[in-house]
Amino acid sequence: MLETSVRLLRLLSLLQGRRDWSGAELADRLQVTSRTVRNDIGRLRLLGYQVDSTTGTAGGYRLGSGAALPPLLLDDEEAVAVAVSLHAAAGGTVTGIEEASLRALAKLQQMLPSRLGHRIEAVRAATVFVSSGAPAVESGTLTAIAAAIRDSEQLRFDYRGGGRDAKSVVRAAEPHRLVFTGRRWYLLAWDCDRDDWRTFRVDRLRPRTPNGPRFTPREPPGGDAAAHVVRGAGSTAWRHQARIRFHAPESALAERLTPAAGLLHRVDDGTTILETGGDSLYELATFLGSLNVDFTVLDPPELRTLLDTLADRYKAAAR
């Protein structure tokens, strides 16, 4: 039989790796009796782990969330993933978590075996994070919004418009989802004042306390919060809107495009429509050509005219 301390670590690892375990399964994995499993569960509870248990034929054990943060066991791949994510978070688009991310990363690296430390250092040394140029958001703002979404509580906040001299106004909304497009954070919410769905830029938003009353969550427009936000963000960010039919499967385009590029709609196995846009028609034409995929412009007509002009110019250049 394993030493008690080693067995407890193995038991904890099993409980963290799967949601539900029966006592018989744990006893079989640890090669002990069901009574020993019950005693070890008691020891874990004394150490601060919240382990819930149920009785009966379907009874078993489940690791719950306690009042304090106990040690967390990670396998090799999980440890590498967490370390790389913390390194990225230290220079990401969310402010207020850089120092905490670096502290957590330092603690993790101190405990890692050398074989994993070398892997993480290799990834870190080979990776360069390029700033997106988008405004960062406060971590406290994200957590306040997320809590209001979780608790279905009306969110009250100051919201600043996009103009240079824009003033903040107090808004009230029923928050539905936070959406990150790769450049900016957005909040999709039901605007209580305008009685309609609205998309708010989180970097322009400052929550007020306390939150408003609880509400019954609504179905998002079209049933897809991310699609609604990307479509709405594009309509305000792009001077020229475009609909392009690509003669390629959706999966092939999804590998080449980021969410910020627009919305993909599958037509059939070999056809996909992209809702996109750009600040100029030349920019749009260059972007479409760079994908190296056959396409047809559905809208706008001005883009088709520009492509005709460019085609003639390129033909003349080739001659």
Protein backbone atom coordinates (compact mmCIF):
# COMPACT_ATOMS: atom_id res chain seq x y z
CA MET A 1 0.00 0.00 0.00
CA LEU A 2 1.22 3.50 -0.78
CA GLU A 3 2.29 5.87 1.97
CA THR A 4 -0.60 8.05 3.18
CA SER A 5 0.89 11.32 1.85
CA VAL A 6 1.57 9.86 -1.60
CA ARG A 7 -1.88 8.28 -1.69
CA LEU A 8 -3.53 11.59 -0.79
CA LEU A 9 -1.76 13.31 -3.69
CA ARG A 10 -2.90 10.59 -6.08
CA LEU A 11 -6.46 10.79 -4.73
CA LEU A 12 -6.45 14.57 -5.14
CA SER A 13 -5.14 14.26 -8.70
CA LEU A 14 -7.97 11.84 -9.55
CA LEU A 15 -10.63 14.13 -8.07
CA GLN A 16 -9.28 17.13 -9.98
CA GLY A 17 -9.13 15.23 -13.25
CA ARG A 18 -12.78 14.16 -13.40
CA ARG A 19 -16.01 15.57 -12.04
CA ASP A 20 -17.55 12.48 -10.40
CA TRP A 21 -16.03 9.31 -8.92
CA SER A 22 -17.61 6.39 -7.13
CA GLY A 23 -15.96 5.08 -3.99
CA ALA A 24 -15.36 1.74 -5.68
CA GLU A 25 -13.59 3.40 -8.64
CA LEU A 26 -11.29 5.37 -6.35
CA ALA A 27 -10.53 2.30 -4.26
CA ASP A 28 -9.68 0.34 -7.40
CA ARG A 29 -7.40 3.08 -8.76
CA LEU A 30 -5.58 3.45 -5.45
CA GLN A 31 -5.63 -0.28 -4.68
CA VAL A 32 -7.08 0.26 -1.23
CA THR A 33 -10.38 -0.48 0.51
CA SER A 34 -13.46 1.73 0.36
CA ARG A 35 -12.95 2.45 4.05
CA THR A 36 -9.46 3.80 3.35
CA VAL A 37 -10.92 6.02 0.62
CA ARG A 38 -13.45 7.44 3.11
CA ASN A 39 -10.66 8.12 5.62
CA ASP A 40 -8.51 9.82 2.97
CA ILE A 41 -11.45 11.97 1.87
CA GLY A 42 -11.72 13.09 5.49
CA ARG A 43 -8.02 14.00 5.52
CA LEU A 44 -8.43 16.09 2.35
CA ARG A 45 -11.30 17.96 3.98
CA LEU A 46 -9.10 18.74 6.98
CA LEU A 47 -6.52 20.18 4.55
CA GLY A 48 -9.12 22.60 3.18
CA TYR A 49 -10.48 20.75 0.15
CA GLN A 50 -14.25 20.77 -0.32
CA VAL A 51 -15.14 17.18 -1.24
CA ASP A 52 -18.86 16.56 -1.65
CA SER A 53 -20.22 13.06 -1.24
CA THR A 54 -23.55 11.38 -2.03
CA THR A 55 -24.93 8.04 -0.90
CA GLY A 56 -26.89 5.31 -2.65
CA THR A 57 -26.26 3.27 -5.77
CA ALA A 58 -25.31 6.38 -7.76
CA GLY A 59 -23.34 7.88 -4.88
CA GLY A 60 -19.75 8.99 -5.01
CA TYR A 61 -17.37 11.91 -4.54
CA ARG A 62 -16.95 15.25 -6.25
CA LEU A 63 -14.35 17.95 -5.64
CA GLY A 64 -16.11 21.24 -4.97
CA SER A 65 -14.98 24.83 -4.39
CA GLY A 66 -14.01 25.70 -0.84
CA ALA A 67 -13.52 28.95 1.04
CA ALA A 68 -9.76 29.05 0.42
CA LEU A 69 -7.51 28.19 -2.52
CA PRO A 70 -5.82 24.83 -1.83
CA PRO A 71 -2.88 23.44 -3.84
CA LEU A 72 -3.69 22.50 -7.43
CA LEU A 73 -2.20 19.48 -9.16
CA LEU A 74 -1.34 19.81 -12.85
CA ASP A 75 0.02 17.28 -15.29
CA ASP A 76 2.93 18.19 -17.60
CA GLU A 77 0.85 19.51 -20.50
CA GLU A 78 -1.44 21.50 -18.19
CA ALA A 79 1.53 23.10 -16.43
CA VAL A 80 3.09 24.18 -19.74
CA ALA A 81 -0.24 25.55 -20.97
CA VAL A 82 -0.77 27.58 -17.79
CA ALA A 83 2.78 28.97 -17.86
CA VAL A 84 2.55 30.07 -21.50
CA SER A 85 -0.88 31.62 -20.86
CA LEU A 86 0.42 33.56 -17.86
CA HIS A 87 3.33 34.86 -19.92
CA ALA A 88 0.92 36.04 -22.63
CA ALA A 89 -1.42 37.60 -20.04
CA ALA A 90 1.42 39.69 -18.66
CA GLY A 91 1.49 41.69 -21.89
CA GLY A 92 -2.09 41.30 -23.09
CA THR A 93 -5.10 43.57 -23.50
CA VAL A 94 -6.28 43.38 -19.88
CA THR A 95 -4.64 45.82 -17.47
CA GLY A 96 -4.25 45.17 -13.78
CA ILE A 97 -3.24 41.52 -14.12
CA GLU A 98 0.32 41.94 -15.41
CA GLU A 99 2.00 41.88 -11.98
CA ALA A 100 -0.25 39.10 -10.68
CA SER A 101 0.46 37.05 -13.82
CA LEU A 102 4.22 37.45 -13.38
CA ARG A 103 4.00 36.49 -9.69
CA ALA A 104 1.97 33.39 -10.49
CA LEU A 105 4.37 32.49 -13.29
CA ALA A 106 7.38 32.83 -10.99
CA LYS A 107 5.74 30.55 -8.39
CA LEU A 108 4.86 27.98 -11.03
CA GLN A 109 8.33 27.94 -12.60
CA GLN A 110 9.94 27.53 -9.17
CA MET A 111 8.01 24.30 -8.63
CA LEU A 112 8.39 22.82 -12.11
CA PRO A 113 10.80 20.00 -12.87
CA SER A 114 13.69 21.02 -15.08
CA ARG A 115 12.36 19.18 -18.14
CA LEU A 116 9.23 21.37 -18.12
CA GLY A 117 11.15 24.53 -17.28
CA HIS A 118 13.26 24.07 -20.40
CA ARG A 119 10.13 23.59 -22.55
CA ILE A 120 8.48 26.73 -21.20
CA GLU A 121 11.64 28.80 -21.54
CA ALA A 122 12.02 27.63 -25.15
CA VAL A 123 8.49 28.78 -25.96
CA ARG A 124 9.02 32.09 -24.15
CA ALA A 125 12.32 32.81 -25.90
CA ALA A 126 10.92 31.96 -29.32
CA THR A 127 7.73 34.03 -28.95
CA VAL A 128 7.26 37.73 -29.60
CA PHE A 129 3.94 39.31 -28.66
CA VAL A 130 2.94 42.14 -30.97
CA SER A 131 0.71 44.81 -29.50
CA SER A 132 -2.64 44.98 -31.26
CA GLY A 133 -2.80 48.74 -30.73
CA ALA A 134 -6.26 48.34 -29.25
CA PRO A 135 -7.11 50.02 -25.95
CA ALA A 136 -6.70 47.79 -22.91
CA VAL A 137 -9.44 47.22 -20.36
CA GLU A 138 -9.25 47.03 -16.57
CA SER A 139 -9.40 43.55 -15.10
CA GLY A 140 -11.77 44.85 -12.41
CA THR A 141 -14.18 45.99 -15.12
CA LEU A 142 -14.20 42.54 -16.71
CA THR A 143 -14.76 40.75 -13.41
CA ALA A 144 -17.57 43.16 -12.42
CA ILE A 145 -19.35 42.57 -15.74
CA ALA A 146 -18.79 38.82 -15.56
CA ALA A 147 -20.26 38.71 -12.04
CA ALA A 148 -23.36 40.62 -13.19
CA ILE A 149 -23.79 38.17 -16.09
CA ARG A 150 -23.39 35.19 -13.76
CA ASP A 151 -25.88 36.53 -11.21
CA SER A 152 -28.33 37.91 -13.84
CA GLU A 153 -28.18 41.35 -12.25
CA GLN A 154 -28.80 44.60 -14.09
CA LEU A 155 -25.54 46.49 -14.71
CA ARG A 156 -25.33 50.24 -14.18
CA PHE A 157 -22.35 52.00 -15.71
CA ASP A 158 -20.90 55.22 -17.08
CA TYR A 159 -20.36 54.99 -20.81
CA ARG A 160 -18.21 57.30 -22.90
CA GLY A 161 -19.01 57.84 -26.58
CA GLY A 162 -16.51 57.60 -29.41
CA GLY A 163 -16.07 61.30 -30.20
CA ARG A 164 -13.10 63.34 -29.01
CA ASP A 165 -15.32 65.56 -26.87
CA ALA A 166 -17.83 62.85 -25.97
CA LYS A 167 -19.12 62.89 -22.41
CA SER A 168 -19.98 59.95 -20.21
CA VAL A 169 -23.62 59.08 -19.69
CA VAL A 170 -25.17 56.71 -17.17
CA ARG A 171 -26.59 53.56 -18.75
CA ALA A 172 -28.50 50.56 -17.39
CA ALA A 173 -28.47 47.22 -19.17
CA GLU A 174 -29.03 43.50 -18.69
CA PRO A 175 -25.59 42.04 -19.51
CA HIS A 176 -25.58 38.88 -21.62
CA ARG A 177 -22.03 38.03 -22.79
CA LEU A 178 -18.49 39.41 -22.99
CA VAL A 179 -17.02 38.97 -26.47
CA PHE A 180 -13.33 39.35 -27.33
CA THR A 181 -12.66 39.77 -31.06
CA GLY A 182 -8.86 39.61 -30.85
CA ARG A 183 -8.56 43.39 -30.70
CA ARG A 184 -11.29 44.70 -28.43
CA TRP A 185 -13.59 43.55 -25.65
CA TYR A 186 -17.32 44.08 -26.17
CA LEU A 187 -20.37 43.63 -23.96
CA LEU A 188 -23.59 42.41 -25.54
CA ALA A 189 -26.50 43.55 -23.38
CA TRP A 190 -30.17 44.43 -23.42
CA ASP A 191 -30.34 48.23 -23.10
CA CYS A 192 -33.05 49.00 -20.54
CA ASP A 193 -33.40 52.62 -21.68
CA ARG A 194 -33.68 51.86 -25.40
CA ASP A 195 -35.52 48.56 -24.98
CA ASP A 196 -33.26 46.81 -27.50
CA TRP A 197 -29.98 44.92 -27.82
CA ARG A 198 -26.83 47.02 -27.80
CA THR A 199 -23.09 46.32 -28.06
CA PHE A 200 -20.82 48.36 -25.76
CA ARG A 201 -17.04 48.71 -25.94
CA VAL A 202 -15.71 47.62 -22.56
CA ASP A 203 -12.78 50.06 -22.62
CA ARG A 204 -15.32 52.92 -22.61
CA LEU A 205 -17.34 51.44 -19.76
CA ARG A 206 -17.01 52.03 -16.01
CA PRO A 207 -19.35 49.96 -13.80
CA ARG A 208 -21.25 51.55 -10.93
CA THR A 209 -22.13 49.87 -7.65
CA PRO A 210 -24.36 48.41 -6.48
CA ASN A 211 -25.87 46.48 -9.38
CA GLY A 212 -29.53 46.83 -10.23
CA PRO A 213 -32.31 44.26 -9.77
CA ARG A 214 -32.12 40.67 -11.02
CA PHE A 215 -33.58 39.82 -14.43
CA THR A 216 -34.57 36.81 -16.48
CA PRO A 217 -31.94 36.26 -19.22
CA ARG A 218 -33.13 36.79 -22.79
CA GLU A 219 -32.27 34.85 -25.91
CA PRO A 220 -29.53 36.76 -27.81
CA PRO A 221 -30.36 38.10 -31.28
CA GLY A 222 -30.04 35.32 -33.82
CA GLY A 223 -29.13 32.94 -30.99
CA ASP A 224 -25.42 33.78 -31.41
CA ALA A 225 -23.89 36.50 -29.24
CA ALA A 226 -20.47 36.40 -30.92
CA ALA A 227 -21.90 36.71 -34.44
CA HIS A 228 -24.10 39.63 -33.43
CA VAL A 229 -21.19 41.48 -31.83
CA VAL A 230 -18.78 40.89 -34.72
CA ARG A 231 -21.39 42.06 -37.22
CA GLY A 232 -22.19 45.14 -35.14
CA ALA A 233 -18.56 45.97 -34.45
CA GLY A 234 -17.77 45.71 -38.15
CA SER A 235 -20.62 48.02 -39.11
CA THR A 236 -19.25 50.76 -36.86
CA ALA A 237 -15.54 50.13 -37.46
CA TRP A 238 -15.51 49.83 -41.26
CA ARG A 239 -16.20 52.62 -43.70
CA HIS A 240 -17.02 50.15 -46.48
CA GLN A 241 -19.11 47.02 -45.88
CA ALA A 242 -18.72 44.00 -48.15
CA ARG A 243 -20.25 40.57 -48.77
CA ILE A 244 -17.95 38.12 -50.54
CA ARG A 245 -18.72 34.64 -51.83
CA PHE A 246 -15.65 32.42 -51.56
CA HIS A 247 -15.45 29.24 -53.61
CA ALA A 248 -13.94 27.29 -50.74
CA PRO A 249 -15.21 25.42 -47.66
CA GLU A 250 -15.77 27.34 -44.44
CA SER A 251 -13.12 25.32 -42.60
CA ALA A 252 -10.41 26.39 -45.07
CA LEU A 253 -11.24 30.08 -44.61
CA ALA A 254 -11.56 29.80 -40.83
CA GLU A 255 -7.91 28.70 -40.71
CA ARG A 256 -6.80 31.88 -42.49
CA LEU A 257 -9.07 34.48 -40.89
CA THR A 258 -9.25 35.88 -37.39
CA PRO A 259 -12.66 36.64 -35.82
CA ALA A 260 -11.99 40.35 -36.36
CA ALA A 261 -11.92 39.81 -40.14
CA GLY A 262 -15.68 39.30 -40.29
CA LEU A 263 -18.42 36.71 -40.19
CA LEU A 264 -18.30 33.46 -42.12
CA HIS A 265 -21.51 31.77 -43.33
CA ARG A 266 -21.44 28.27 -44.78
CA VAL A 267 -23.50 27.92 -47.97
CA ASP A 268 -22.51 24.37 -48.92
CA ASP A 269 -19.42 22.14 -48.82
CA GLY A 270 -17.54 24.31 -51.31
CA THR A 271 -19.02 27.79 -50.85
CA THR A 272 -18.76 30.30 -48.01
CA ILE A 273 -19.93 33.89 -47.65
CA LEU A 274 -17.88 36.41 -45.68
CA GLU A 275 -19.34 39.61 -44.21
CA THR A 276 -16.38 41.93 -43.91
CA GLY A 277 -15.26 45.49 -44.59
CA GLY A 278 -12.43 47.98 -44.67
CA ASP A 279 -11.49 51.62 -44.35
CA SER A 280 -10.91 51.81 -48.11
CA LEU A 281 -11.88 49.81 -51.19
CA TYR A 282 -8.19 49.39 -52.06
CA GLU A 283 -7.60 47.90 -48.63
CA LEU A 284 -10.47 45.48 -49.19
CA ALA A 285 -9.20 44.44 -52.62
CA THR A 286 -5.70 43.84 -51.27
CA PHE A 287 -7.04 41.81 -48.36
CA LEU A 288 -9.20 39.61 -50.61
CA GLY A 289 -6.37 39.00 -53.04
CA SER A 290 -4.00 38.01 -50.25
CA LEU A 291 -6.20 35.06 -49.29
CA ASN A 292 -5.38 33.29 -52.57
CA VAL A 293 -8.91 31.87 -52.86
CA ASP A 294 -11.35 32.32 -55.75
CA PHE A 295 -14.15 34.70 -54.83
CA THR A 296 -17.09 36.70 -56.15
CA VAL A 297 -18.03 40.15 -54.85
CA LEU A 298 -21.70 40.33 -53.92
CA ASP A 299 -21.53 43.84 -52.40
CA PRO A 300 -20.69 46.64 -52.83
CA PRO A 301 -20.80 47.37 -56.58
CA GLU A 302 -17.98 49.89 -56.18
CA LEU A 303 -15.65 47.09 -55.15
CA ARG A 304 -16.45 45.17 -58.34
CA THR A 305 -15.66 48.29 -60.39
CA LEU A 306 -12.35 48.73 -58.59
CA LEU A 307 -11.42 45.08 -59.21
CA ASP A 308 -12.11 45.57 -62.94
CA THR A 309 -9.78 48.58 -62.94
CA LEU A 310 -7.08 46.71 -61.06
CA ALA A 311 -7.41 43.71 -63.37
CA ASP A 312 -6.80 45.90 -66.41
CA ARG A 313 -3.84 47.52 -64.68
CA TYR A 314 -2.28 44.18 -63.78
CA LYS A 315 -2.81 42.83 -67.30
CA ALA A 316 -1.07 45.86 -68.75
CA ALA A 317 1.78 45.45 -66.29
CA ALA A 318 2.16 41.77 -67.26
CA ARG A 319 2.38 42.65 -70.99
